């Protein structure tokens, strides 16, 4: 007598766990991504098509120091150093963060310049 093992019908794999994983990934990437949050800075030169005039006025803002056109300057003397380079207070000043300067430091320097009467700033990277 010969015994043969009965063939079991093949079981189809369930797609439910795979569909669950796909939906979890979809929800994760939808929540983790940012849509439409790009901030646009209104730059006067780009918006009005004007040109930069006068001598260079690049203010480098460090974590604890400032420099004007590459020359170190004290925080309290910045307005006096800029006065010789500007024809009028509305001339453009270019601000550049350097050496681990945080945003609060840049905001403080900008506030100090506004108190001195300067009104036109551009922040570059």
PDB file of N, CA and C in Angstrom:
ATOM      1  N   UNK A   1       0.836  -1.143   0.000  1.00  0.00           N
ATOM      2  CA  UNK A   1       0.000   0.000   0.000  1.00  0.00           C
ATOM      3  C   UNK A   1       0.905   1.238   0.000  1.00  0.00           C
ATOM      4  N   UNK A   2       0.567   2.102  -0.830  1.00  0.00           N
ATOM      5  CA  UNK A   2       1.390   3.304  -1.012  1.00  0.00           C
ATOM      6  C   UNK A   2       0.627   4.516  -0.501  1.00  0.00           C
ATOM      7  N   UNK A   3       1.295   5.216   0.422  1.00  0.00           N
ATOM      8  CA  UNK A   3       0.658   6.415   0.991  1.00  0.00           C
ATOM      9  C   UNK A   3       1.291   7.647   0.373  1.00  0.00           C
ATOM     10  N   UNK A   4       0.485   8.479  -0.162  1.00  0.00           N
ATOM     11  CA  UNK A   4       0.974   9.752  -0.687  1.00  0.00           C
ATOM     12  C   UNK A   4       0.298  10.868   0.103  1.00  0.00           C
ATOM     13  N   UNK A   5       1.077  11.854   0.290  1.00  0.00           N
ATOM     14  CA  UNK A   5       0.555  12.981   1.052  1.00  0.00           C
ATOM     15  C   UNK A   5      -0.373  13.785   0.152  1.00  0.00           C
ATOM     16  N   UNK A   6      -1.490  14.111   0.689  1.00  0.00           N
ATOM     17  CA  UNK A   6      -2.459  14.882  -0.089  1.00  0.00           C
ATOM     18  C   UNK A   6      -1.928  16.292  -0.298  1.00  0.00           C
ATOM     19  N   UNK A   7      -2.022  16.789  -1.494  1.00  0.00           N
ATOM     20  CA  UNK A   7      -1.565  18.138  -1.812  1.00  0.00           C
ATOM     21  C   UNK A   7      -2.525  19.154  -1.216  1.00  0.00           C
ATOM     22  N   UNK A   8      -1.931  20.082  -0.468  1.00  0.00           N
ATOM     23  CA  UNK A   8      -2.751  21.150   0.103  1.00  0.00           C
ATOM     24  C   UNK A   8      -2.884  22.242  -0.943  1.00  0.00           C
ATOM     25  N   UNK A   9      -4.046  22.815  -1.025  1.00  0.00           N
ATOM     26  CA  UNK A   9      -4.180  23.917  -1.997  1.00  0.00           C
ATOM     27  C   UNK A   9      -3.329  25.105  -1.540  1.00  0.00           C
ATOM     28  N   UNK A  10      -2.686  25.762  -2.495  1.00  0.00           N
ATOM     29  CA  UNK A  10      -1.842  26.926  -2.182  1.00  0.00           C
ATOM     30  C   UNK A  10      -2.697  28.052  -1.657  1.00  0.00           C
ATOM     31  N   UNK A  11      -2.215  28.635  -0.591  1.00  0.00           N
ATOM     32  CA  UNK A  11      -2.949  29.742   0.006  1.00  0.00           C
ATOM     33  C   UNK A  11      -2.436  31.048  -0.586  1.00  0.00           C
ATOM     34  N   UNK A  12      -3.325  31.890  -1.005  1.00  0.00           N
ATOM     35  CA  UNK A  12      -2.934  33.187  -1.564  1.00  0.00           C
ATOM     36  C   UNK A  12      -2.505  34.104  -0.429  1.00  0.00           C
ATOM     37  N   UNK A  13      -1.417  34.863  -0.630  1.00  0.00           N
ATOM     38  CA  UNK A  13      -0.986  35.774   0.435  1.00  0.00           C
ATOM     39  C   UNK A  13      -1.981  36.923   0.590  1.00  0.00           C
ATOM     40  N   UNK A  14      -2.135  37.345   1.801  1.00  0.00           N
ATOM     41  CA  UNK A  14      -3.049  38.444   2.089  1.00  0.00           C
ATOM     42  C   UNK A  14      -2.361  39.770   1.779  1.00  0.00           C
ATOM     43  N   UNK A  15      -3.029  40.641   1.080  1.00  0.00           N
ATOM     44  CA  UNK A  15      -2.480  41.949   0.729  1.00  0.00           C
ATOM     45  C   UNK A  15      -2.828  43.020   1.770  1.00  0.00           C
ATOM     46  N   UNK A  16      -3.617  42.682   2.738  1.00  0.00           N
ATOM     47  CA  UNK A  16      -4.042  43.665   3.736  1.00  0.00           C
ATOM     48  C   UNK A  16      -2.876  44.277   4.505  1.00  0.00           C
ATOM     49  N   UNK A  17      -1.914  43.495   5.020  1.00  0.00           N
ATOM     50  CA  UNK A  17      -0.791  44.137   5.723  1.00  0.00           C
ATOM     51  C   UNK A  17       0.034  45.063   4.829  1.00  0.00           C
ATOM     52  N   UNK A  18       0.216  44.678   3.569  1.00  0.00           N
ATOM     53  CA  UNK A  18       0.984  45.529   2.668  1.00  0.00           C
ATOM     54  C   UNK A  18       0.230  46.835   2.386  1.00  0.00           C
ATOM     55  N   UNK A  19      -1.061  46.765   2.228  1.00  0.00           N
ATOM     56  CA  UNK A  19      -1.858  47.972   1.998  1.00  0.00           C
ATOM     57  C   UNK A  19      -1.812  48.867   3.228  1.00  0.00           C
ATOM     58  N   UNK A  20      -1.854  48.266   4.421  1.00  0.00           N
ATOM     59  CA  UNK A  20      -1.754  49.056   5.656  1.00  0.00           C
ATOM     60  C   UNK A  20      -0.426  49.801   5.726  1.00  0.00           C
ATOM     61  N   UNK A  21       0.655  49.138   5.375  1.00  0.00           N
ATOM     62  CA  UNK A  21       1.974  49.777   5.405  1.00  0.00           C
ATOM     63  C   UNK A  21       2.035  50.919   4.390  1.00  0.00           C
ATOM     64  N   UNK A  22       1.482  50.709   3.208  1.00  0.00           N
ATOM     65  CA  UNK A  22       1.486  51.760   2.186  1.00  0.00           C
ATOM     66  C   UNK A  22       0.711  52.982   2.670  1.00  0.00           C
ATOM     67  N   UNK A  23      -0.433  52.774   3.279  1.00  0.00           N
ATOM     68  CA  UNK A  23      -1.212  53.905   3.786  1.00  0.00           C
ATOM     69  C   UNK A  23      -0.497  54.609   4.941  1.00  0.00           C
ATOM     70  N   UNK A  24       0.161  53.859   5.825  1.00  0.00           N
ATOM     71  CA  UNK A  24       0.924  54.486   6.895  1.00  0.00           C
ATOM     72  C   UNK A  24       2.066  55.332   6.339  1.00  0.00           C
ATOM     73  N   UNK A  25       2.760  54.826   5.324  1.00  0.00           N
ATOM     74  CA  UNK A  25       3.824  55.614   4.697  1.00  0.00           C
ATOM     75  C   UNK A  25       3.265  56.867   4.023  1.00  0.00           C
ATOM     76  N   UNK A  26       2.135  56.727   3.367  1.00  0.00           N
ATOM     77  CA  UNK A  26       1.505  57.881   2.718  1.00  0.00           C
ATOM     78  C   UNK A  26       1.144  58.951   3.740  1.00  0.00           C
ATOM     79  N   UNK A  27       0.549  58.552   4.838  1.00  0.00           N
ATOM     80  CA  UNK A  27       0.178  59.514   5.881  1.00  0.00           C
ATOM     81  C   UNK A  27       1.430  60.147   6.480  1.00  0.00           C
ATOM     82  N   UNK A  28       2.465  59.356   6.729  1.00  0.00           N
ATOM     83  CA  UNK A  28       3.704  59.888   7.296  1.00  0.00           C
ATOM     84  C   UNK A  28       4.300  60.952   6.392  1.00  0.00           C
ATOM     85  N   UNK A  29       4.447  60.667   5.104  1.00  0.00           N
ATOM     86  CA  UNK A  29       5.074  61.634   4.202  1.00  0.00           C
ATOM     87  C   UNK A  29       4.210  62.861   3.967  1.00  0.00           C
ATOM     88  N   UNK A  30       2.899  62.705   4.038  1.00  0.00           N
ATOM     89  CA  UNK A  30       2.032  63.881   3.908  1.00  0.00           C
ATOM     90  C   UNK A  30       2.169  64.796   5.114  1.00  0.00           C
ATOM     91  N   UNK A  31       2.316  64.216   6.302  1.00  0.00           N
ATOM     92  CA  UNK A  31       2.445  65.030   7.504  1.00  0.00           C
ATOM     93  C   UNK A  31       3.855  65.581   7.682  1.00  0.00           C
ATOM     94  N   UNK A  32       4.853  64.870   7.186  1.00  0.00           N
ATOM     95  CA  UNK A  32       6.240  65.290   7.379  1.00  0.00           C
ATOM     96  C   UNK A  32       6.698  66.302   6.345  1.00  0.00           C
ATOM     97  N   UNK A  33       6.015  66.399   5.233  1.00  0.00           N
ATOM     98  CA  UNK A  33       6.449  67.342   4.193  1.00  0.00           C
ATOM     99  C   UNK A  33       5.755  68.681   4.369  1.00  0.00           C
ATOM    100  N   UNK A  34       6.374  69.700   3.788  1.00  0.00           N
ATOM    101  CA  UNK A  34       5.811  71.051   3.854  1.00  0.00           C
ATOM    102  C   UNK A  34       5.408  71.473   2.445  1.00  0.00           C
ATOM    103  N   UNK A  35       4.183  71.907   2.318  1.00  0.00           N
ATOM    104  CA  UNK A  35       3.693  72.350   1.023  1.00  0.00           C
ATOM    105  C   UNK A  35       3.453  73.849   1.059  1.00  0.00           C
ATOM    106  N   UNK A  36       4.086  74.573   0.163  1.00  0.00           N
ATOM    107  CA  UNK A  36       3.811  75.991   0.006  1.00  0.00           C
ATOM    108  C   UNK A  36       4.257  76.876   1.140  1.00  0.00           C
ATOM    109  N   UNK A  37       5.320  76.531   1.851  1.00  0.00           N
ATOM    110  CA  UNK A  37       5.773  77.377   2.942  1.00  0.00           C
ATOM    111  C   UNK A  37       7.032  78.155   2.584  1.00  0.00           C
ATOM    112  N   UNK A  38       7.366  78.229   1.321  1.00  0.00           N
ATOM    113  CA  UNK A  38       8.542  78.989   0.924  1.00  0.00           C
ATOM    114  C   UNK A  38       8.303  80.465   1.189  1.00  0.00           C
ATOM    115  N   UNK A  39       9.241  81.077   1.880  1.00  0.00           N
ATOM    116  CA  UNK A  39       9.139  82.498   2.195  1.00  0.00           C
ATOM    117  C   UNK A  39       9.895  83.293   1.142  1.00  0.00           C
ATOM    118  N   UNK A  40       9.308  84.360   0.700  1.00  0.00           N
ATOM    119  CA  UNK A  40       9.931  85.212  -0.304  1.00  0.00           C
ATOM    120  C   UNK A  40      10.265  86.542   0.350  1.00  0.00           C
ATOM    121  N   UNK A  41      11.523  86.935   0.256  1.00  0.00           N
ATOM    122  CA  UNK A  41      11.933  88.231   0.780  1.00  0.00           C
ATOM    123  C   UNK A  41      11.724  89.280  -0.301  1.00  0.00           C
ATOM    124  N   UNK A  42      11.106  90.358   0.070  1.00  0.00           N
ATOM    125  CA  UNK A  42      10.873  91.444  -0.872  1.00  0.00           C
ATOM    126  C   UNK A  42      12.151  92.271  -0.978  1.00  0.00           C
ATOM    127  N   UNK A  43      12.944  92.003  -1.985  1.00  0.00           N
ATOM    128  CA  UNK A  43      14.198  92.724  -2.168  1.00  0.00           C
ATOM    129  C   UNK A  43      13.958  93.940  -3.057  1.00  0.00           C
ATOM    130  N   UNK A  44      14.374  95.116  -2.636  1.00  0.00           N
ATOM    131  CA  UNK A  44      14.122  96.317  -3.413  1.00  0.00           C
ATOM    132  C   UNK A  44      14.739  96.265  -4.807  1.00  0.00           C
ATOM    133  N   UNK A  45      15.938  95.723  -4.941  1.00  0.00           N
ATOM    134  CA  UNK A  45      16.567  95.692  -6.252  1.00  0.00           C
ATOM    135  C   UNK A  45      15.818  94.770  -7.202  1.00  0.00           C
ATOM    136  N   UNK A  46      15.383  93.626  -6.705  1.00  0.00           N
ATOM    137  CA  UNK A  46      14.697  92.674  -7.563  1.00  0.00           C
ATOM    138  C   UNK A  46      13.307  93.176  -7.930  1.00  0.00           C
ATOM    139  N   UNK A  47      12.629  93.826  -7.000  1.00  0.00           N
ATOM    140  CA  UNK A  47      11.264  94.251  -7.250  1.00  0.00           C
ATOM    141  C   UNK A  47      11.169  95.495  -8.111  1.00  0.00           C
ATOM    142  N   UNK A  48      12.110  96.433  -7.972  1.00  0.00           N
ATOM    143  CA  UNK A  48      12.009  97.700  -8.680  1.00  0.00           C
ATOM    144  C   UNK A  48      12.944  97.799  -9.863  1.00  0.00           C
ATOM    145  N   UNK A  49      13.863  96.854 -10.010  1.00  0.00           N
ATOM    146  CA  UNK A  49      14.781  96.895 -11.137  1.00  0.00           C
ATOM    147  C   UNK A  49      15.826  97.992 -11.016  1.00  0.00           C
ATOM    148  N   UNK A  50      16.041  98.503  -9.807  1.00  0.00           N
ATOM    149  CA  UNK A  50      17.022  99.562  -9.597  1.00  0.00           C
ATOM    150  C   UNK A  50      18.433  99.011  -9.562  1.00  0.00           C
ATOM    151  N   UNK A  51      19.375  99.895  -9.365  1.00  0.00           N
ATOM    152  CA  UNK A  51      20.774  99.496  -9.306  1.00  0.00           C
ATOM    153  C   UNK A  51      21.370  99.967  -7.982  1.00  0.00           C
ATOM    154  N   UNK A  52      22.323  99.233  -7.510  1.00  0.00           N
ATOM    155  CA  UNK A  52      23.032  99.597  -6.291  1.00  0.00           C
ATOM    156  C   UNK A  52      23.966 100.745  -6.623  1.00  0.00           C
ATOM    157  N   UNK A  53      23.917 101.801  -5.841  1.00  0.00           N
ATOM    158  CA  UNK A  53      24.778 102.957  -6.111  1.00  0.00           C
ATOM    159  C   UNK A  53      25.610 103.267  -4.883  1.00  0.00           C
ATOM    160  N   UNK A  54      26.725 103.902  -5.107  1.00  0.00           N
ATOM    161  CA  UNK A  54      27.586 104.329  -4.010  1.00  0.00           C
ATOM    162  C   UNK A  54      28.637 103.286  -3.682  1.00  0.00           C
ATOM    163  N   UNK A  55      29.436 103.589  -2.678  1.00  0.00           N
ATOM    164  CA  UNK A  55      30.489 102.659  -2.269  1.00  0.00           C
ATOM    165  C   UNK A  55      29.890 101.413  -1.617  1.00  0.00           C
ATOM    166  N   UNK A  56      30.656 100.345  -1.525  1.00  0.00           N
ATOM    167  CA  UNK A  56      30.129  99.129  -0.890  1.00  0.00           C
ATOM    168  C   UNK A  56      29.837  99.362   0.587  1.00  0.00           C
ATOM    169  N   UNK A  57      28.734  98.768   1.037  1.00  0.00           N
ATOM    170  CA  UNK A  57      28.319  98.874   2.429  1.00  0.00           C
ATOM    171  C   UNK A  57      27.894  97.486   2.911  1.00  0.00           C
ATOM    172  N   UNK A  58      28.860  96.584   3.031  1.00  0.00           N
ATOM    173  CA  UNK A  58      28.597  95.217   3.481  1.00  0.00           C
ATOM    174  C   UNK A  58      28.927  95.109   4.964  1.00  0.00           C
ATOM    175  N   UNK A  59      27.911  94.794   5.739  1.00  0.00           N
ATOM    176  CA  UNK A  59      28.076  94.672   7.186  1.00  0.00           C
ATOM    177  C   UNK A  59      28.069  93.184   7.528  1.00  0.00           C
ATOM    178  N   UNK A  60      29.209  92.681   7.972  1.00  0.00           N
ATOM    179  CA  UNK A  60      29.314  91.295   8.404  1.00  0.00           C
ATOM    180  C   UNK A  60      28.978  91.189   9.872  1.00  0.00           C
ATOM    181  N   UNK A  61      28.006  90.369  10.191  1.00  0.00           N
ATOM    182  CA  UNK A  61      27.536  90.245  11.570  1.00  0.00           C
ATOM    183  C   UNK A  61      28.006  88.896  12.109  1.00  0.00           C
ATOM    184  N   UNK A  62      28.935  88.943  13.052  1.00  0.00           N
ATOM    185  CA  UNK A  62      29.414  87.742  13.705  1.00  0.00           C
ATOM    186  C   UNK A  62      28.688  87.509  15.016  1.00  0.00           C
ATOM    187  N   UNK A  63      29.025  86.427  15.695  1.00  0.00           N
ATOM    188  CA  UNK A  63      28.369  86.106  16.962  1.00  0.00           C
ATOM    189  C   UNK A  63      28.634  87.179  18.023  1.00  0.00           C
ATOM    190  N   UNK A  64      29.829  87.764  18.009  1.00  0.00           N
ATOM    191  CA  UNK A  64      30.138  88.813  18.987  1.00  0.00           C
ATOM    192  C   UNK A  64      30.953  89.949  18.386  1.00  0.00           C
ATOM    193  N   UNK A  65      30.964  90.054  17.061  1.00  0.00           N
ATOM    194  CA  UNK A  65      31.716  91.140  16.423  1.00  0.00           C
ATOM    195  C   UNK A  65      31.007  91.592  15.149  1.00  0.00           C
ATOM    196  N   UNK A  66      31.406  92.765  14.684  1.00  0.00           N
ATOM    197  CA  UNK A  66      30.882  93.327  13.440  1.00  0.00           C
ATOM    198  C   UNK A  66      32.056  93.741  12.565  1.00  0.00           C
ATOM    199  N   UNK A  67      31.828  93.692  11.249  1.00  0.00           N
ATOM    200  CA  UNK A  67      32.821  94.293  10.358  1.00  0.00           C
ATOM    201  C   UNK A  67      32.095  95.000   9.223  1.00  0.00           C
ATOM    202  N   UNK A  68      32.673  96.088   8.796  1.00  0.00           N
ATOM    203  CA  UNK A  68      32.139  96.892   7.712  1.00  0.00           C
ATOM    204  C   UNK A  68      33.124  96.823   6.561  1.00  0.00           C
ATOM    205  N   UNK A  69      32.696  96.205   5.457  1.00  0.00           N
ATOM    206  CA  UNK A  69      33.549  95.984   4.281  1.00  0.00           C
ATOM    207  C   UNK A  69      34.847  95.273   4.655  1.00  0.00           C
ATOM    208  N   UNK A  70      34.752  94.328   5.581  1.00  0.00           N
ATOM    209  CA  UNK A  70      35.907  93.534   5.971  1.00  0.00           C
ATOM    210  C   UNK A  70      36.749  94.123   7.086  1.00  0.00           C
ATOM    211  N   UNK A  71      36.482  95.342   7.509  1.00  0.00           N
ATOM    212  CA  UNK A  71      37.239  95.997   8.579  1.00  0.00           C
ATOM    213  C   UNK A  71      36.445  95.904   9.882  1.00  0.00           C
ATOM    214  N   UNK A  72      37.062  95.408  10.950  1.00  0.00           N
ATOM    215  CA  UNK A  72      36.339  95.304  12.225  1.00  0.00           C
ATOM    216  C   UNK A  72      35.878  96.667  12.724  1.00  0.00           C
ATOM    217  N   UNK A  73      34.687  96.682  13.281  1.00  0.00           N
ATOM    218  CA  UNK A  73      34.124  97.911  13.829  1.00  0.00           C
ATOM    219  C   UNK A  73      33.324  97.537  15.087  1.00  0.00           C
ATOM    220  N   UNK A  74      33.356  98.413  16.082  1.00  0.00           N
ATOM    221  CA  UNK A  74      32.598  98.174  17.315  1.00  0.00           C
ATOM    222  C   UNK A  74      31.114  98.408  17.065  1.00  0.00           C
ATOM    223  N   UNK A  75      30.286  97.732  17.827  1.00  0.00           N
ATOM    224  CA  UNK A  75      28.834  97.890  17.675  1.00  0.00           C
ATOM    225  C   UNK A  75      28.413  99.346  17.836  1.00  0.00           C
ATOM    226  N   UNK A  76      29.004 100.030  18.799  1.00  0.00           N
ATOM    227  CA  UNK A  76      28.612 101.408  19.072  1.00  0.00           C
ATOM    228  C   UNK A  76      29.101 102.382  18.003  1.00  0.00           C
ATOM    229  N   UNK A  77      30.115 102.026  17.237  1.00  0.00           N
ATOM    230  CA  UNK A  77      30.666 102.918  16.210  1.00  0.00           C
ATOM    231  C   UNK A  77      30.167 102.604  14.807  1.00  0.00           C
ATOM    232  N   UNK A  78      29.245 101.664  14.662  1.00  0.00           N
ATOM    233  CA  UNK A  78      28.794 101.259  13.328  1.00  0.00           C
ATOM    234  C   UNK A  78      28.101 102.401  12.589  1.00  0.00           C
ATOM    235  N   UNK A  79      27.232 103.130  13.261  1.00  0.00           N
ATOM    236  CA  UNK A  79      26.503 104.219  12.597  1.00  0.00           C
ATOM    237  C   UNK A  79      27.456 105.313  12.122  1.00  0.00           C
ATOM    238  N   UNK A  80      28.467 105.635  12.922  1.00  0.00           N
ATOM    239  CA  UNK A  80      29.427 106.664  12.515  1.00  0.00           C
ATOM    240  C   UNK A  80      30.270 106.195  11.331  1.00  0.00           C
ATOM    241  N   UNK A  81      30.640 104.925  11.329  1.00  0.00           N
ATOM    242  CA  UNK A  81      31.428 104.390  10.213  1.00  0.00           C
ATOM    243  C   UNK A  81      30.615 104.356   8.931  1.00  0.00           C
ATOM    244  N   UNK A  82      29.314 104.104   9.042  1.00  0.00           N
ATOM    245  CA  UNK A  82      28.456 104.074   7.855  1.00  0.00           C
ATOM    246  C   UNK A  82      28.170 105.469   7.321  1.00  0.00           C
ATOM    247  N   UNK A  83      28.161 106.473   8.169  1.00  0.00           N
ATOM    248  CA  UNK A  83      27.811 107.829   7.754  1.00  0.00           C
ATOM    249  C   UNK A  83      28.736 108.339   6.658  1.00  0.00           C
ATOM    250  N   UNK A  84      29.997 107.946   6.688  1.00  0.00           N
ATOM    251  CA  UNK A  84      30.935 108.418   5.657  1.00  0.00           C
ATOM    252  C   UNK A  84      30.715 107.721   4.327  1.00  0.00           C
ATOM    253  N   UNK A  85      30.029 106.576   4.319  1.00  0.00           N
ATOM    254  CA  UNK A  85      29.815 105.813   3.082  1.00  0.00           C
ATOM    255  C   UNK A  85      28.465 106.080   2.436  1.00  0.00           C
ATOM    256  N   UNK A  86      27.604 106.841   3.095  1.00  0.00           N
ATOM    257  CA  UNK A  86      26.239 107.002   2.608  1.00  0.00           C
ATOM    258  C   UNK A  86      25.937 108.443   2.241  1.00  0.00           C
ATOM    259  N   UNK A  87      25.175 108.603   1.163  1.00  0.00           N
ATOM    260  CA  UNK A  87      24.720 109.935   0.753  1.00  0.00           C
ATOM    261  C   UNK A  87      23.462 110.327   1.516  1.00  0.00           C
ATOM    262  N   UNK A  88      22.571 109.368   1.721  1.00  0.00           N
ATOM    263  CA  UNK A  88      21.324 109.627   2.447  1.00  0.00           C
ATOM    264  C   UNK A  88      20.968 108.373   3.251  1.00  0.00           C
ATOM    265  N   UNK A  89      20.176 108.486   4.306  1.00  0.00           N
ATOM    266  CA  UNK A  89      19.863 107.330   5.161  1.00  0.00           C
ATOM    267  C   UNK A  89      19.102 106.211   4.457  1.00  0.00           C
ATOM    268  N   UNK A  90      18.493 106.500   3.314  1.00  0.00           N
ATOM    269  CA  UNK A  90      17.740 105.458   2.608  1.00  0.00           C
ATOM    270  C   UNK A  90      18.610 104.646   1.652  1.00  0.00           C
ATOM    271  N   UNK A  91      19.923 104.889   1.612  1.00  0.00           N
ATOM    272  CA  UNK A  91      20.814 104.063   0.806  1.00  0.00           C
ATOM    273  C   UNK A  91      20.804 102.639   1.345  1.00  0.00           C
ATOM    274  N   UNK A  92      21.030 101.690   0.466  1.00  0.00           N
ATOM    275  CA  UNK A  92      20.930 100.289   0.835  1.00  0.00           C
ATOM    276  C   UNK A  92      22.139  99.806   1.640  1.00  0.00           C
ATOM    277  N   UNK A  93      21.840  99.048   2.688  1.00  0.00           N
ATOM    278  CA  UNK A  93      22.863  98.387   3.493  1.00  0.00           C
ATOM    279  C   UNK A  93      22.722  96.881   3.297  1.00  0.00           C
ATOM    280  N   UNK A  94      23.832  96.200   3.071  1.00  0.00           N
ATOM    281  CA  UNK A  94      23.815  94.761   2.874  1.00  0.00           C
ATOM    282  C   UNK A  94      24.305  94.100   4.158  1.00  0.00           C
ATOM    283  N   UNK A  95      23.453  93.277   4.760  1.00  0.00           N
ATOM    284  CA  UNK A  95      23.777  92.582   6.000  1.00  0.00           C
ATOM    285  C   UNK A  95      24.083  91.119   5.686  1.00  0.00           C
ATOM    286  N   UNK A  96      25.133  90.599   6.310  1.00  0.00           N
ATOM    287  CA  UNK A  96      25.503  89.203   6.083  1.00  0.00           C
ATOM    288  C   UNK A  96      25.882  88.562   7.410  1.00  0.00           C
ATOM    289  N   UNK A  97      25.196  87.496   7.765  1.00  0.00           N
ATOM    290  CA  UNK A  97      25.501  86.771   8.991  1.00  0.00           C
ATOM    291  C   UNK A  97      26.740  85.905   8.804  1.00  0.00           C
ATOM    292  N   UNK A  98      27.621  85.916   9.804  1.00  0.00           N
ATOM    293  CA  UNK A  98      28.858  85.132   9.746  1.00  0.00           C
ATOM    294  C   UNK A  98      29.135  84.502  11.100  1.00  0.00           C
ATOM    295  N   UNK A  99      30.057  83.556  11.112  1.00  0.00           N
ATOM    296  CA  UNK A  99      30.643  83.006  12.336  1.00  0.00           C
ATOM    297  C   UNK A  99      29.602  82.638  13.395  1.00  0.00           C
ATOM    298  N   UNK A 100      28.668  81.814  13.032  1.00  0.00           N
ATOM    299  CA  UNK A 100      27.679  81.301  13.984  1.00  0.00           C
ATOM    300  C   UNK A 100      26.762  82.387  14.546  1.00  0.00           C
ATOM    301  N   UNK A 101      26.555  83.459  13.830  1.00  0.00           N
ATOM    302  CA  UNK A 101      25.645  84.509  14.301  1.00  0.00           C
ATOM    303  C   UNK A 101      24.215  83.981  14.234  1.00  0.00           C
ATOM    304  N   UNK A 102      23.479  84.150  15.317  1.00  0.00           N
ATOM    305  CA  UNK A 102      22.094  83.688  15.311  1.00  0.00           C
ATOM    306  C   UNK A 102      21.174  84.810  14.826  1.00  0.00           C
ATOM    307  N   UNK A 103      19.938  84.459  14.612  1.00  0.00           N
ATOM    308  CA  UNK A 103      18.980  85.419  14.076  1.00  0.00           C
ATOM    309  C   UNK A 103      18.721  86.572  15.034  1.00  0.00           C
ATOM    310  N   UNK A 104      18.776  86.314  16.321  1.00  0.00           N
ATOM    311  CA  UNK A 104      18.565  87.385  17.307  1.00  0.00           C
ATOM    312  C   UNK A 104      19.654  88.441  17.191  1.00  0.00           C
ATOM    313  N   UNK A 105      20.887  88.022  16.972  1.00  0.00           N
ATOM    314  CA  UNK A 105      21.999  88.973  16.814  1.00  0.00           C
ATOM    315  C   UNK A 105      21.777  89.838  15.576  1.00  0.00           C
ATOM    316  N   UNK A 106      21.345  89.243  14.482  1.00  0.00           N
ATOM    317  CA  UNK A 106      21.075  90.008  13.254  1.00  0.00           C
ATOM    318  C   UNK A 106      19.926  90.985  13.486  1.00  0.00           C
ATOM    319  N   UNK A 107      18.896  90.547  14.195  1.00  0.00           N
ATOM    320  CA  UNK A 107      17.767  91.437  14.491  1.00  0.00           C
ATOM    321  C   UNK A 107      18.195  92.595  15.391  1.00  0.00           C
ATOM    322  N   UNK A 108      19.086  92.323  16.357  1.00  0.00           N
ATOM    323  CA  UNK A 108      19.575  93.390  17.234  1.00  0.00           C
ATOM    324  C   UNK A 108      20.372  94.432  16.459  1.00  0.00           C
ATOM    325  N   UNK A 109      21.235  93.990  15.557  1.00  0.00           N
ATOM    326  CA  UNK A 109      22.029  94.932  14.754  1.00  0.00           C
ATOM    327  C   UNK A 109      21.108  95.735  13.842  1.00  0.00           C
ATOM    328  N   UNK A 110      20.109  95.082  13.259  1.00  0.00           N
ATOM    329  CA  UNK A 110      19.154  95.793  12.400  1.00  0.00           C
ATOM    330  C   UNK A 110      18.374  96.832  13.206  1.00  0.00           C
ATOM    331  N   UNK A 111      17.971  96.495  14.417  1.00  0.00           N
ATOM    332  CA  UNK A 111      17.249  97.455  15.271  1.00  0.00           C
ATOM    333  C   UNK A 111      18.145  98.635  15.628  1.00  0.00           C
ATOM    334  N   UNK A 112      19.418  98.374  15.892  1.00  0.00           N
ATOM    335  CA  UNK A 112      20.355  99.457  16.208  1.00  0.00           C
ATOM    336  C   UNK A 112      20.530 100.382  14.998  1.00  0.00           C
ATOM    337  N   UNK A 113      20.584  99.796  13.805  1.00  0.00           N
ATOM    338  CA  UNK A 113      20.713 100.618  12.594  1.00  0.00           C
ATOM    339  C   UNK A 113      19.440 101.424  12.342  1.00  0.00           C
ATOM    340  N   UNK A 114      18.280 100.837  12.618  1.00  0.00           N
ATOM    341  CA  UNK A 114      17.018 101.583  12.456  1.00  0.00           C
ATOM    342  C   UNK A 114      16.957 102.761  13.431  1.00  0.00           C
ATOM    343  N   UNK A 115      17.437 102.552  14.651  1.00  0.00           N
ATOM    344  CA  UNK A 115      17.462 103.638  15.630  1.00  0.00           C
ATOM    345  C   UNK A 115      18.387 104.761  15.175  1.00  0.00           C
ATOM    346  N   UNK A 116      19.433 104.416  14.418  1.00  0.00           N
ATOM    347  CA  UNK A 116      20.362 105.422  13.915  1.00  0.00           C
ATOM    348  C   UNK A 116      19.801 106.145  12.689  1.00  0.00           C
ATOM    349  N   UNK A 117      18.649 105.692  12.168  1.00  0.00           N
ATOM    350  CA  UNK A 117      18.012 106.385  11.059  1.00  0.00           C
ATOM    351  C   UNK A 117      18.127 105.704   9.716  1.00  0.00           C
ATOM    352  N   UNK A 118      18.757 104.560   9.637  1.00  0.00           N
ATOM    353  CA  UNK A 118      18.881 103.850   8.361  1.00  0.00           C
ATOM    354  C   UNK A 118      17.624 103.021   8.115  1.00  0.00           C
ATOM    355  N   UNK A 119      17.190 102.972   6.854  1.00  0.00           N
ATOM    356  CA  UNK A 119      15.888 102.365   6.585  1.00  0.00           C
ATOM    357  C   UNK A 119      15.893 101.243   5.561  1.00  0.00           C
ATOM    358  N   UNK A 120      16.934 101.083   4.774  1.00  0.00           N
ATOM    359  CA  UNK A 120      16.912 100.145   3.663  1.00  0.00           C
ATOM    360  C   UNK A 120      17.948  99.046   3.880  1.00  0.00           C
ATOM    361  N   UNK A 121      17.479  97.792   4.096  1.00  0.00           N
ATOM    362  CA  UNK A 121      18.381  96.688   4.387  1.00  0.00           C
ATOM    363  C   UNK A 121      18.115  95.521   3.455  1.00  0.00           C
ATOM    364  N   UNK A 122      19.178  94.796   3.160  1.00  0.00           N
ATOM    365  CA  UNK A 122      19.059  93.539   2.429  1.00  0.00           C
ATOM    366  C   UNK A 122      19.888  92.523   3.192  1.00  0.00           C
ATOM    367  N   UNK A 123      19.292  91.371   3.489  1.00  0.00           N
ATOM    368  CA  UNK A 123      19.987  90.303   4.191  1.00  0.00           C
ATOM    369  C   UNK A 123      20.420  89.271   3.173  1.00  0.00           C
ATOM    370  N   UNK A 124      21.716  88.989   3.112  1.00  0.00           N
ATOM    371  CA  UNK A 124      22.244  87.991   2.179  1.00  0.00           C
ATOM    372  C   UNK A 124      22.786  86.821   2.977  1.00  0.00           C
ATOM    373  N   UNK A 125      22.924  85.709   2.310  1.00  0.00           N
ATOM    374  CA  UNK A 125      23.393  84.494   2.953  1.00  0.00           C
ATOM    375  C   UNK A 125      24.876  84.322   2.784  1.00  0.00           C
TER     376      UNK A 125
END
